[in-house]
Amino acid sequence: MANMIEGRAALIVIDMQKGGGMSMEEAGIPVMPGFADRVAITVPLTEAARQAGVPVIFFQEAHRPDHIDFGRELDGVEDIHCVEGDTGTELVEELMPQDGDYFIRKRRYSCFFGTDLEILLKGLKADTLILAGELTDVCVHYTFVDGHQRDYYMRVVEDCCGGSTLTRHEASLDAMEYLQTGARRRSEEIMSAFQAMARAA
């Protein structure tokens, strides 16, 4: 099994948007309970990353108001969601990019699909990608798989992620662990590693 962090790390915070704290009727996406708690845990995680010199990359899913870029996203359970200009599309105030962070907007689920993430990661010389955010069974899972297939070491901070339901959340975490043994991690583990890196620096 690989070390928790191999080489250089990057923390990717996926779609921590205000819709995560809204109902399906308001936001168009079902989200398991506990969103505010996950935000509260992710905040010190991002702070620890910055202190350790680990790049923090924020993502926001956002669709054009004419819905032209939804494609097949509405063929399942999800309704219209993450439309530019809607309150639910905005990042939560506690997890906004700060000076030195990176921000990428995406039109689809995977952070790799149709974005410049791979160019950024090459510039950062990242080896291990640490994922937090929403939804575990959609954007987090698809980003994990795409990173895995690009030969990154992938880690998912399970208490900083929430699924469309608890059942789907757990199933996706299990599927990610299947791809890379040791991928599932808790925030305290990752923060301890970041703190050790900060002390060493």
N, C-alpha and C. Protein backbone atom coordinates (compact mmCIF):
# COMPACT_ATOMS: atom_id res chain seq x y z
N MET A 1 0.84 -1.20 0.00
CA MET A 1 0.00 0.00 0.00
C MET A 1 0.88 1.25 0.00
N ALA A 2 0.53 2.23 -0.80
CA ALA A 2 1.28 3.47 -0.88
C ALA A 2 1.13 4.28 0.41
N ASN A 3 2.06 5.20 0.63
CA ASN A 3 1.95 6.12 1.75
C ASN A 3 0.70 6.98 1.59
N MET A 4 0.25 7.58 2.68
CA MET A 4 -0.93 8.43 2.62
C MET A 4 -0.71 9.57 1.62
N ILE A 5 0.48 10.18 1.68
CA ILE A 5 0.82 11.21 0.71
C ILE A 5 2.13 10.82 0.04
N GLU A 6 2.06 10.63 -1.26
CA GLU A 6 3.23 10.31 -2.06
C GLU A 6 3.66 11.56 -2.83
N GLY A 7 4.92 11.93 -2.72
CA GLY A 7 5.41 13.10 -3.46
C GLY A 7 4.71 14.37 -3.04
N ARG A 8 4.37 15.20 -4.01
CA ARG A 8 3.70 16.47 -3.74
C ARG A 8 2.19 16.29 -3.77
N ALA A 9 1.54 16.96 -2.84
CA ALA A 9 0.08 16.84 -2.71
C ALA A 9 -0.61 18.10 -3.21
N ALA A 10 -1.88 17.93 -3.59
CA ALA A 10 -2.78 19.05 -3.86
C ALA A 10 -4.13 18.70 -3.25
N LEU A 11 -4.76 19.67 -2.61
CA LEU A 11 -6.09 19.50 -2.03
C LEU A 11 -7.12 20.07 -2.99
N ILE A 12 -8.09 19.25 -3.39
CA ILE A 12 -9.13 19.69 -4.32
C ILE A 12 -10.46 19.72 -3.57
N VAL A 13 -11.04 20.89 -3.47
CA VAL A 13 -12.32 21.09 -2.77
C VAL A 13 -13.40 21.23 -3.84
N ILE A 14 -14.27 20.24 -3.92
CA ILE A 14 -15.19 20.10 -5.04
C ILE A 14 -16.60 20.57 -4.68
N ASP A 15 -17.05 21.62 -5.34
CA ASP A 15 -18.46 22.03 -5.33
C ASP A 15 -19.05 22.21 -3.94
N MET A 16 -18.31 22.85 -3.06
CA MET A 16 -18.88 23.21 -1.76
C MET A 16 -19.71 24.47 -1.96
N GLN A 17 -20.91 24.27 -2.51
CA GLN A 17 -21.78 25.35 -2.94
C GLN A 17 -23.01 25.43 -2.04
N LYS A 18 -23.62 26.58 -2.00
CA LYS A 18 -24.72 26.82 -1.08
C LYS A 18 -25.89 25.86 -1.27
N GLY A 19 -26.04 25.32 -2.46
CA GLY A 19 -27.11 24.37 -2.72
C GLY A 19 -27.01 23.12 -1.86
N GLY A 20 -25.81 22.84 -1.35
CA GLY A 20 -25.63 21.68 -0.49
C GLY A 20 -26.42 21.76 0.79
N GLY A 21 -26.78 22.97 1.18
CA GLY A 21 -27.58 23.15 2.39
C GLY A 21 -29.05 23.42 2.11
N MET A 22 -29.44 23.23 0.84
CA MET A 22 -30.83 23.47 0.45
C MET A 22 -31.55 22.15 0.18
N SER A 23 -32.85 22.22 0.07
CA SER A 23 -33.65 21.03 -0.23
C SER A 23 -33.55 20.69 -1.71
N MET A 24 -33.97 19.47 -2.06
CA MET A 24 -34.02 19.05 -3.46
C MET A 24 -34.88 20.01 -4.27
N GLU A 25 -35.98 20.46 -3.70
CA GLU A 25 -36.88 21.36 -4.41
C GLU A 25 -36.23 22.70 -4.70
N GLU A 26 -35.37 23.17 -3.78
CA GLU A 26 -34.71 24.46 -3.95
C GLU A 26 -33.50 24.38 -4.87
N ALA A 27 -32.69 23.32 -4.69
CA ALA A 27 -31.40 23.24 -5.38
C ALA A 27 -31.38 22.30 -6.58
N GLY A 28 -32.37 21.41 -6.67
CA GLY A 28 -32.42 20.49 -7.80
C GLY A 28 -31.60 19.23 -7.62
N ILE A 29 -30.91 19.11 -6.49
CA ILE A 29 -30.07 17.94 -6.21
C ILE A 29 -30.35 17.44 -4.80
N PRO A 30 -30.52 16.13 -4.62
CA PRO A 30 -30.66 15.60 -3.26
C PRO A 30 -29.30 15.52 -2.58
N VAL A 31 -29.24 15.88 -1.32
CA VAL A 31 -27.99 15.83 -0.56
C VAL A 31 -28.28 15.23 0.80
N MET A 32 -27.43 14.29 1.23
CA MET A 32 -27.62 13.68 2.54
C MET A 32 -27.43 14.73 3.64
N PRO A 33 -27.99 14.53 4.82
CA PRO A 33 -27.87 15.51 5.90
C PRO A 33 -26.41 15.75 6.32
N GLY A 34 -26.20 16.87 7.01
CA GLY A 34 -24.89 17.15 7.60
C GLY A 34 -24.00 18.07 6.80
N PHE A 35 -24.56 18.81 5.84
CA PHE A 35 -23.73 19.66 4.99
C PHE A 35 -22.95 20.69 5.80
N ALA A 36 -23.62 21.37 6.73
CA ALA A 36 -22.95 22.41 7.53
C ALA A 36 -21.79 21.82 8.34
N ASP A 37 -21.97 20.61 8.84
CA ASP A 37 -20.90 19.94 9.58
C ASP A 37 -19.70 19.65 8.67
N ARG A 38 -19.99 19.22 7.44
CA ARG A 38 -18.90 18.93 6.51
C ARG A 38 -18.14 20.20 6.13
N VAL A 39 -18.85 21.28 5.97
CA VAL A 39 -18.19 22.56 5.69
C VAL A 39 -17.28 22.93 6.87
N ALA A 40 -17.79 22.77 8.08
CA ALA A 40 -17.03 23.15 9.28
C ALA A 40 -15.75 22.32 9.41
N ILE A 41 -15.78 21.07 8.98
CA ILE A 41 -14.58 20.23 9.04
C ILE A 41 -13.60 20.57 7.92
N THR A 42 -14.14 20.96 6.77
CA THR A 42 -13.29 21.25 5.61
C THR A 42 -12.52 22.55 5.77
N VAL A 43 -13.08 23.51 6.48
CA VAL A 43 -12.40 24.80 6.67
C VAL A 43 -11.02 24.64 7.29
N PRO A 44 -10.87 23.98 8.45
CA PRO A 44 -9.52 23.82 9.00
C PRO A 44 -8.62 22.93 8.14
N LEU A 45 -9.22 22.04 7.35
CA LEU A 45 -8.43 21.23 6.43
C LEU A 45 -7.75 22.10 5.39
N THR A 46 -8.49 23.05 4.83
CA THR A 46 -7.90 23.96 3.84
C THR A 46 -6.84 24.85 4.50
N GLU A 47 -7.10 25.27 5.73
CA GLU A 47 -6.13 26.13 6.43
C GLU A 47 -4.83 25.36 6.69
N ALA A 48 -4.96 24.09 7.09
CA ALA A 48 -3.77 23.27 7.34
C ALA A 48 -2.98 23.04 6.06
N ALA A 49 -3.71 22.88 4.94
CA ALA A 49 -3.03 22.72 3.65
C ALA A 49 -2.21 23.95 3.31
N ARG A 50 -2.80 25.11 3.47
CA ARG A 50 -2.07 26.35 3.16
C ARG A 50 -0.83 26.50 4.03
N GLN A 51 -0.97 26.19 5.31
CA GLN A 51 0.17 26.30 6.24
C GLN A 51 1.30 25.36 5.83
N ALA A 52 0.92 24.22 5.21
CA ALA A 52 1.92 23.23 4.79
C ALA A 52 2.46 23.49 3.40
N GLY A 53 1.93 24.53 2.74
CA GLY A 53 2.36 24.81 1.38
C GLY A 53 1.73 23.90 0.34
N VAL A 54 0.64 23.24 0.72
CA VAL A 54 -0.08 22.36 -0.21
C VAL A 54 -1.09 23.21 -0.99
N PRO A 55 -1.03 23.20 -2.32
CA PRO A 55 -1.98 23.99 -3.10
C PRO A 55 -3.42 23.56 -2.85
N VAL A 56 -4.31 24.55 -2.78
CA VAL A 56 -5.74 24.29 -2.60
C VAL A 56 -6.45 24.74 -3.88
N ILE A 57 -7.20 23.81 -4.47
CA ILE A 57 -7.89 24.08 -5.74
C ILE A 57 -9.39 23.95 -5.50
N PHE A 58 -10.11 25.04 -5.70
CA PHE A 58 -11.56 25.05 -5.50
C PHE A 58 -12.28 24.87 -6.84
N PHE A 59 -13.31 24.06 -6.83
CA PHE A 59 -14.14 23.86 -8.02
C PHE A 59 -15.57 24.29 -7.75
N GLN A 60 -16.19 24.79 -8.81
CA GLN A 60 -17.61 25.16 -8.77
C GLN A 60 -18.27 24.62 -10.04
N GLU A 61 -19.32 23.81 -9.86
CA GLU A 61 -20.12 23.41 -11.01
C GLU A 61 -21.09 24.54 -11.33
N ALA A 62 -21.10 24.98 -12.57
CA ALA A 62 -21.99 26.07 -12.97
C ALA A 62 -22.42 25.88 -14.42
N HIS A 63 -23.72 25.96 -14.63
CA HIS A 63 -24.28 25.79 -15.97
C HIS A 63 -24.83 27.11 -16.49
N ARG A 64 -24.78 27.29 -17.79
CA ARG A 64 -25.29 28.51 -18.41
C ARG A 64 -26.80 28.62 -18.21
N PRO A 65 -27.30 29.86 -18.11
CA PRO A 65 -28.73 30.06 -17.84
C PRO A 65 -29.65 29.47 -18.90
N ASP A 66 -29.16 29.27 -20.13
CA ASP A 66 -30.03 28.69 -21.16
C ASP A 66 -29.99 27.16 -21.15
N HIS A 67 -29.23 26.59 -20.20
CA HIS A 67 -29.17 25.14 -19.97
C HIS A 67 -28.53 24.37 -21.13
N ILE A 68 -27.83 25.05 -22.01
CA ILE A 68 -27.30 24.43 -23.21
C ILE A 68 -26.24 23.37 -22.90
N ASP A 69 -25.60 23.46 -21.72
CA ASP A 69 -24.48 22.56 -21.44
C ASP A 69 -24.82 21.46 -20.43
N PHE A 70 -26.09 21.21 -20.19
CA PHE A 70 -26.46 20.13 -19.27
C PHE A 70 -26.25 18.75 -19.87
N GLY A 71 -26.43 18.63 -21.17
CA GLY A 71 -26.25 17.32 -21.79
C GLY A 71 -27.16 16.29 -21.17
N ARG A 72 -26.58 15.15 -20.73
CA ARG A 72 -27.35 14.04 -20.18
C ARG A 72 -27.50 14.15 -18.65
N GLU A 73 -27.08 15.26 -18.06
CA GLU A 73 -27.10 15.38 -16.60
C GLU A 73 -28.51 15.31 -16.01
N LEU A 74 -29.53 15.57 -16.80
CA LEU A 74 -30.89 15.60 -16.27
C LEU A 74 -31.65 14.32 -16.57
N ASP A 75 -30.95 13.28 -17.03
CA ASP A 75 -31.61 12.02 -17.37
C ASP A 75 -31.89 11.16 -16.14
N GLY A 76 -31.27 11.48 -15.02
CA GLY A 76 -31.44 10.69 -13.81
C GLY A 76 -32.32 11.41 -12.80
N VAL A 77 -31.90 11.36 -11.54
CA VAL A 77 -32.68 11.92 -10.43
C VAL A 77 -32.60 13.44 -10.41
N GLU A 78 -31.46 14.00 -10.81
CA GLU A 78 -31.24 15.44 -10.65
C GLU A 78 -32.12 16.28 -11.57
N ASP A 79 -32.56 17.41 -11.02
CA ASP A 79 -33.33 18.40 -11.78
C ASP A 79 -32.36 19.52 -12.18
N ILE A 80 -32.87 20.60 -12.74
CA ILE A 80 -32.03 21.75 -13.06
C ILE A 80 -31.28 22.17 -11.80
N HIS A 81 -29.96 22.36 -11.92
CA HIS A 81 -29.13 22.66 -10.75
C HIS A 81 -27.92 23.47 -11.16
N CYS A 82 -27.34 24.16 -10.19
CA CYS A 82 -26.06 24.87 -10.37
C CYS A 82 -26.08 25.79 -11.59
N VAL A 83 -27.11 26.59 -11.73
CA VAL A 83 -27.20 27.54 -12.83
C VAL A 83 -26.52 28.85 -12.43
N GLU A 84 -25.74 29.39 -13.35
CA GLU A 84 -25.04 30.65 -13.09
C GLU A 84 -26.03 31.72 -12.61
N GLY A 85 -25.66 32.42 -11.55
CA GLY A 85 -26.50 33.48 -11.01
C GLY A 85 -27.43 33.04 -9.90
N ASP A 86 -27.67 31.72 -9.77
CA ASP A 86 -28.52 31.23 -8.69
C ASP A 86 -27.76 31.21 -7.37
N THR A 87 -28.46 31.49 -6.28
CA THR A 87 -27.82 31.50 -4.96
C THR A 87 -27.17 30.16 -4.64
N GLY A 88 -27.84 29.06 -4.97
CA GLY A 88 -27.32 27.74 -4.65
C GLY A 88 -26.04 27.39 -5.37
N THR A 89 -25.73 28.11 -6.43
CA THR A 89 -24.52 27.85 -7.23
C THR A 89 -23.29 28.47 -6.59
N GLU A 90 -23.49 29.49 -5.77
CA GLU A 90 -22.36 30.19 -5.16
C GLU A 90 -21.62 29.28 -4.18
N LEU A 91 -20.30 29.43 -4.12
CA LEU A 91 -19.54 28.73 -3.09
C LEU A 91 -19.95 29.23 -1.72
N VAL A 92 -19.91 28.35 -0.72
CA VAL A 92 -20.23 28.80 0.63
C VAL A 92 -19.16 29.81 1.08
N GLU A 93 -19.59 30.75 1.88
CA GLU A 93 -18.69 31.84 2.26
C GLU A 93 -17.47 31.36 3.03
N GLU A 94 -17.62 30.26 3.79
CA GLU A 94 -16.51 29.75 4.60
C GLU A 94 -15.41 29.11 3.75
N LEU A 95 -15.76 28.75 2.51
CA LEU A 95 -14.80 28.04 1.66
C LEU A 95 -14.66 28.75 0.31
N MET A 96 -14.24 29.99 0.40
CA MET A 96 -13.93 30.77 -0.80
C MET A 96 -12.43 30.75 -1.03
N PRO A 97 -11.99 30.75 -2.29
CA PRO A 97 -10.55 30.80 -2.57
C PRO A 97 -9.90 32.04 -1.95
N GLN A 98 -8.71 31.85 -1.40
CA GLN A 98 -7.93 32.95 -0.84
C GLN A 98 -6.71 33.20 -1.72
N ASP A 99 -5.97 34.23 -1.42
CA ASP A 99 -4.76 34.53 -2.18
C ASP A 99 -3.85 33.30 -2.19
N GLY A 100 -3.41 32.93 -3.37
CA GLY A 100 -2.54 31.77 -3.50
C GLY A 100 -3.28 30.48 -3.81
N ASP A 101 -4.61 30.48 -3.64
CA ASP A 101 -5.41 29.32 -4.01
C ASP A 101 -5.73 29.37 -5.50
N TYR A 102 -6.35 28.30 -5.98
CA TYR A 102 -6.76 28.22 -7.38
C TYR A 102 -8.27 27.96 -7.45
N PHE A 103 -8.88 28.48 -8.51
CA PHE A 103 -10.33 28.32 -8.70
C PHE A 103 -10.60 27.92 -10.14
N ILE A 104 -11.42 26.87 -10.31
CA ILE A 104 -11.80 26.42 -11.65
C ILE A 104 -13.31 26.17 -11.67
N ARG A 105 -13.97 26.70 -12.69
CA ARG A 105 -15.39 26.42 -12.89
C ARG A 105 -15.51 25.27 -13.88
N LYS A 106 -16.46 24.38 -13.64
CA LYS A 106 -16.66 23.24 -14.54
C LYS A 106 -18.12 23.14 -14.95
N ARG A 107 -18.34 22.55 -16.12
CA ARG A 107 -19.69 22.39 -16.64
C ARG A 107 -20.25 20.99 -16.40
N ARG A 108 -19.36 20.04 -16.15
CA ARG A 108 -19.77 18.65 -15.95
C ARG A 108 -19.29 18.17 -14.59
N TYR A 109 -19.48 16.88 -14.32
CA TYR A 109 -19.21 16.36 -12.99
C TYR A 109 -17.72 16.26 -12.66
N SER A 110 -16.94 15.58 -13.48
CA SER A 110 -15.52 15.38 -13.18
C SER A 110 -14.75 16.69 -13.27
N CYS A 111 -13.86 16.89 -12.31
CA CYS A 111 -13.02 18.09 -12.33
C CYS A 111 -12.03 18.08 -13.49
N PHE A 112 -11.82 16.92 -14.10
CA PHE A 112 -10.90 16.82 -15.22
C PHE A 112 -11.58 17.11 -16.56
N PHE A 113 -12.89 16.91 -16.63
CA PHE A 113 -13.59 16.93 -17.91
C PHE A 113 -13.82 18.36 -18.40
N GLY A 114 -13.16 18.72 -19.49
CA GLY A 114 -13.37 20.04 -20.10
C GLY A 114 -12.78 21.19 -19.31
N THR A 115 -11.83 20.92 -18.40
CA THR A 115 -11.18 21.97 -17.62
C THR A 115 -9.67 21.93 -17.84
N ASP A 116 -8.99 22.90 -17.25
CA ASP A 116 -7.52 22.93 -17.37
C ASP A 116 -6.85 22.35 -16.12
N LEU A 117 -7.57 21.50 -15.38
CA LEU A 117 -7.00 20.94 -14.14
C LEU A 117 -5.70 20.21 -14.41
N GLU A 118 -5.64 19.42 -15.46
CA GLU A 118 -4.44 18.63 -15.69
C GLU A 118 -3.24 19.53 -15.98
N ILE A 119 -3.44 20.62 -16.69
CA ILE A 119 -2.35 21.57 -16.93
C ILE A 119 -1.87 22.16 -15.61
N LEU A 120 -2.83 22.52 -14.74
CA LEU A 120 -2.48 23.08 -13.44
C LEU A 120 -1.70 22.07 -12.61
N LEU A 121 -2.17 20.83 -12.57
CA LEU A 121 -1.50 19.80 -11.76
C LEU A 121 -0.09 19.53 -12.26
N LYS A 122 0.10 19.57 -13.56
CA LYS A 122 1.46 19.39 -14.10
C LYS A 122 2.36 20.54 -13.67
N GLY A 123 1.82 21.76 -13.70
CA GLY A 123 2.60 22.91 -13.26
C GLY A 123 2.95 22.82 -11.78
N LEU A 124 2.03 22.28 -10.99
CA LEU A 124 2.26 22.13 -9.56
C LEU A 124 3.11 20.90 -9.23
N LYS A 125 3.32 20.05 -10.24
CA LYS A 125 4.07 18.79 -10.06
C LYS A 125 3.43 17.93 -8.97
N ALA A 126 2.12 17.87 -8.99
CA ALA A 126 1.37 17.11 -7.98
C ALA A 126 1.42 15.62 -8.27
N ASP A 127 1.52 14.84 -7.22
CA ASP A 127 1.50 13.38 -7.30
C ASP A 127 0.27 12.79 -6.61
N THR A 128 -0.10 13.37 -5.46
CA THR A 128 -1.22 12.88 -4.67
C THR A 128 -2.32 13.93 -4.67
N LEU A 129 -3.53 13.51 -5.05
CA LEU A 129 -4.68 14.41 -5.06
C LEU A 129 -5.61 14.02 -3.92
N ILE A 130 -5.90 14.99 -3.06
CA ILE A 130 -6.74 14.77 -1.89
C ILE A 130 -8.07 15.47 -2.14
N LEU A 131 -9.15 14.70 -2.14
CA LEU A 131 -10.45 15.21 -2.52
C LEU A 131 -11.37 15.41 -1.31
N ALA A 132 -12.05 16.55 -1.32
CA ALA A 132 -13.12 16.82 -0.36
C ALA A 132 -14.24 17.47 -1.14
N GLY A 133 -15.48 17.34 -0.65
CA GLY A 133 -16.56 18.06 -1.31
C GLY A 133 -17.79 17.23 -1.59
N GLU A 134 -18.57 17.74 -2.52
CA GLU A 134 -19.89 17.18 -2.84
C GLU A 134 -19.99 16.87 -4.34
N LEU A 135 -20.76 15.95 -4.77
CA LEU A 135 -21.34 14.84 -4.05
C LEU A 135 -20.40 13.66 -4.13
N THR A 136 -20.33 12.90 -3.06
CA THR A 136 -19.43 11.75 -3.02
C THR A 136 -19.65 10.82 -4.20
N ASP A 137 -20.92 10.54 -4.51
CA ASP A 137 -21.26 9.56 -5.54
C ASP A 137 -21.30 10.13 -6.94
N VAL A 138 -21.03 11.42 -7.08
CA VAL A 138 -21.08 12.02 -8.41
C VAL A 138 -19.74 12.72 -8.69
N CYS A 139 -19.63 13.99 -8.38
CA CYS A 139 -18.45 14.76 -8.77
C CYS A 139 -17.17 14.27 -8.10
N VAL A 140 -17.25 13.90 -6.83
CA VAL A 140 -16.06 13.40 -6.14
C VAL A 140 -15.63 12.06 -6.74
N HIS A 141 -16.60 11.17 -6.90
CA HIS A 141 -16.30 9.83 -7.42
C HIS A 141 -15.73 9.90 -8.84
N TYR A 142 -16.35 10.69 -9.71
CA TYR A 142 -15.89 10.76 -11.10
C TYR A 142 -14.52 11.42 -11.20
N THR A 143 -14.26 12.40 -10.34
CA THR A 143 -12.94 13.02 -10.31
C THR A 143 -11.90 12.02 -9.82
N PHE A 144 -12.25 11.26 -8.80
CA PHE A 144 -11.35 10.22 -8.28
C PHE A 144 -10.98 9.23 -9.38
N VAL A 145 -11.98 8.75 -10.11
CA VAL A 145 -11.72 7.75 -11.16
C VAL A 145 -10.85 8.34 -12.26
N ASP A 146 -11.15 9.57 -12.67
CA ASP A 146 -10.35 10.19 -13.73
C ASP A 146 -8.91 10.42 -13.27
N GLY A 147 -8.72 10.79 -12.00
CA GLY A 147 -7.37 10.95 -11.47
C GLY A 147 -6.65 9.62 -11.38
N HIS A 148 -7.37 8.59 -10.95
CA HIS A 148 -6.80 7.24 -10.87
C HIS A 148 -6.31 6.78 -12.24
N GLN A 149 -7.11 7.02 -13.26
CA GLN A 149 -6.74 6.58 -14.60
C GLN A 149 -5.61 7.40 -15.20
N ARG A 150 -5.32 8.53 -14.59
CA ARG A 150 -4.18 9.35 -15.00
C ARG A 150 -2.96 9.08 -14.11
N ASP A 151 -3.05 8.06 -13.27
CA ASP A 151 -1.95 7.57 -12.44
C ASP A 151 -1.58 8.49 -11.29
N TYR A 152 -2.52 9.31 -10.82
CA TYR A 152 -2.29 10.05 -9.58
C TYR A 152 -2.60 9.13 -8.40
N TYR A 153 -1.93 9.39 -7.29
CA TYR A 153 -2.34 8.78 -6.03
C TYR A 153 -3.56 9.55 -5.54
N MET A 154 -4.65 8.83 -5.30
CA MET A 154 -5.91 9.48 -4.97
C MET A 154 -6.29 9.20 -3.52
N ARG A 155 -6.71 10.24 -2.82
CA ARG A 155 -7.20 10.12 -1.45
C ARG A 155 -8.53 10.89 -1.36
N VAL A 156 -9.46 10.36 -0.58
CA VAL A 156 -10.74 11.03 -0.39
C VAL A 156 -10.96 11.20 1.11
N VAL A 157 -11.25 12.42 1.51
CA VAL A 157 -11.46 12.74 2.93
C VAL A 157 -12.93 12.50 3.23
N GLU A 158 -13.24 11.32 3.75
CA GLU A 158 -14.63 10.87 3.78
C GLU A 158 -15.53 11.71 4.67
N ASP A 159 -15.01 12.30 5.75
CA ASP A 159 -15.87 13.12 6.61
C ASP A 159 -16.01 14.55 6.09
N CYS A 160 -15.34 14.86 4.98
CA CYS A 160 -15.50 16.15 4.31
C CYS A 160 -16.27 15.99 3.01
N CYS A 161 -16.90 14.84 2.82
CA CYS A 161 -17.68 14.56 1.61
C CYS A 161 -19.09 14.16 1.98
N GLY A 162 -20.05 14.51 1.13
CA GLY A 162 -21.43 14.11 1.33
C GLY A 162 -22.03 13.64 0.02
N GLY A 163 -22.82 12.58 0.09
CA GLY A 163 -23.44 12.03 -1.10
C GLY A 163 -24.88 12.47 -1.27
N SER A 164 -25.49 12.01 -2.36
CA SER A 164 -26.90 12.31 -2.59
C SER A 164 -27.76 11.61 -1.54
N THR A 165 -27.30 10.44 -1.09
CA THR A 165 -27.87 9.75 0.07
C THR A 165 -26.72 9.12 0.84
N LEU A 166 -26.95 8.73 2.07
CA LEU A 166 -25.91 8.07 2.85
C LEU A 166 -25.53 6.74 2.22
N THR A 167 -26.49 6.02 1.68
CA THR A 167 -26.20 4.73 1.04
C THR A 167 -25.28 4.90 -0.16
N ARG A 168 -25.57 5.88 -1.00
CA ARG A 168 -24.72 6.12 -2.17
C ARG A 168 -23.34 6.65 -1.76
N HIS A 169 -23.31 7.46 -0.73
CA HIS A 169 -22.05 7.97 -0.18
C HIS A 169 -21.14 6.80 0.22
N GLU A 170 -21.66 5.89 1.00
CA GLU A 170 -20.87 4.75 1.47
C GLU A 170 -20.47 3.85 0.32
N ALA A 171 -21.38 3.62 -0.63
CA ALA A 171 -21.06 2.76 -1.77
C ALA A 171 -19.94 3.36 -2.62
N SER A 172 -19.96 4.67 -2.80
CA SER A 172 -18.91 5.31 -3.60
C SER A 172 -17.56 5.28 -2.89
N LEU A 173 -17.57 5.51 -1.59
CA LEU A 173 -16.32 5.42 -0.83
C LEU A 173 -15.73 4.01 -0.95
N ASP A 174 -16.58 3.02 -0.87
CA ASP A 174 -16.13 1.63 -1.00
C ASP A 174 -15.56 1.38 -2.39
N ALA A 175 -16.20 1.94 -3.41
CA ALA A 175 -15.71 1.76 -4.78
C ALA A 175 -14.36 2.44 -4.98
N MET A 176 -14.16 3.60 -4.36
CA MET A 176 -12.88 4.29 -4.47
C MET A 176 -11.77 3.52 -3.77
N GLU A 177 -12.09 2.99 -2.61
CA GLU A 177 -11.12 2.17 -1.87
C GLU A 177 -10.76 0.92 -2.67
N TYR A 178 -11.69 0.41 -3.42
CA TYR A 178 -11.44 -0.76 -4.28
C TYR A 178 -10.36 -0.44 -5.31
N LEU A 179 -10.40 0.79 -5.86
CA LEU A 179 -9.42 1.19 -6.88
C LEU A 179 -8.04 1.45 -6.30
N GLN A 180 -7.99 2.07 -5.12
CA GLN A 180 -6.70 2.36 -4.49
C GLN A 180 -6.82 2.07 -2.99
N THR A 181 -6.15 1.02 -2.56
CA THR A 181 -6.17 0.66 -1.14
C THR A 181 -5.58 1.80 -0.31
N GLY A 182 -6.31 2.21 0.71
CA GLY A 182 -5.85 3.32 1.54
C GLY A 182 -6.35 4.66 1.07
N ALA A 183 -7.22 4.67 0.07
CA ALA A 183 -7.74 5.94 -0.45
C ALA A 183 -8.64 6.64 0.56
N ARG A 184 -9.43 5.87 1.29
CA ARG A 184 -10.35 6.47 2.26
C ARG A 184 -9.59 6.97 3.48
N ARG A 185 -9.74 8.24 3.78
CA ARG A 185 -9.03 8.86 4.90
C ARG A 185 -9.96 9.77 5.67
N ARG A 186 -9.62 10.02 6.93
CA ARG A 186 -10.36 10.94 7.77
C ARG A 186 -9.63 12.28 7.81
N SER A 187 -10.37 13.33 8.10
CA SER A 187 -9.78 14.67 8.09
C SER A 187 -8.64 14.79 9.09
N GLU A 188 -8.76 14.14 10.26
CA GLU A 188 -7.70 14.27 11.26
C GLU A 188 -6.39 13.65 10.77
N GLU A 189 -6.48 12.60 9.97
CA GLU A 189 -5.27 11.98 9.41
C GLU A 189 -4.58 12.93 8.44
N ILE A 190 -5.36 13.50 7.55
CA ILE A 190 -4.80 14.40 6.54
C ILE A 190 -4.25 15.66 7.20
N MET A 191 -4.99 16.20 8.17
CA MET A 191 -4.52 17.40 8.85
C MET A 191 -3.23 17.13 9.61
N SER A 192 -3.11 15.98 10.23
CA SER A 192 -1.86 15.63 10.93
C SER A 192 -0.69 15.56 9.96
N ALA A 193 -0.95 15.01 8.78
CA ALA A 193 0.10 14.95 7.76
C ALA A 193 0.50 16.34 7.31
N PHE A 194 -0.50 17.21 7.11
CA PHE A 194 -0.20 18.59 6.72
C PHE A 194 0.59 19.31 7.81
N GLN A 195 0.21 19.11 9.06
CA GLN A 195 0.90 19.77 10.17
C GLN A 195 2.35 19.30 10.27
N ALA A 196 2.56 18.02 10.03
CA ALA A 196 3.94 17.48 10.03
C ALA A 196 4.76 18.10 8.91
N MET A 197 4.13 18.30 7.74
CA MET A 197 4.81 18.93 6.62
C MET A 197 5.17 20.38 6.95
N ALA A 198 4.25 21.07 7.62
CA ALA A 198 4.50 22.47 7.99
C ALA A 198 5.65 22.58 8.98
N ARG A 199 5.69 21.65 9.94
CA ARG A 199 6.79 21.66 10.91
C ARG A 199 8.14 21.37 10.23
N ALA A 200 8.12 20.44 9.30
CA ALA A 200 9.35 20.07 8.60
C ALA A 200 9.87 21.22 7.76
N ALA A 201 8.95 22.03 7.24
CA ALA A 201 9.36 23.16 6.42
C ALA A 201 9.94 24.29 7.25
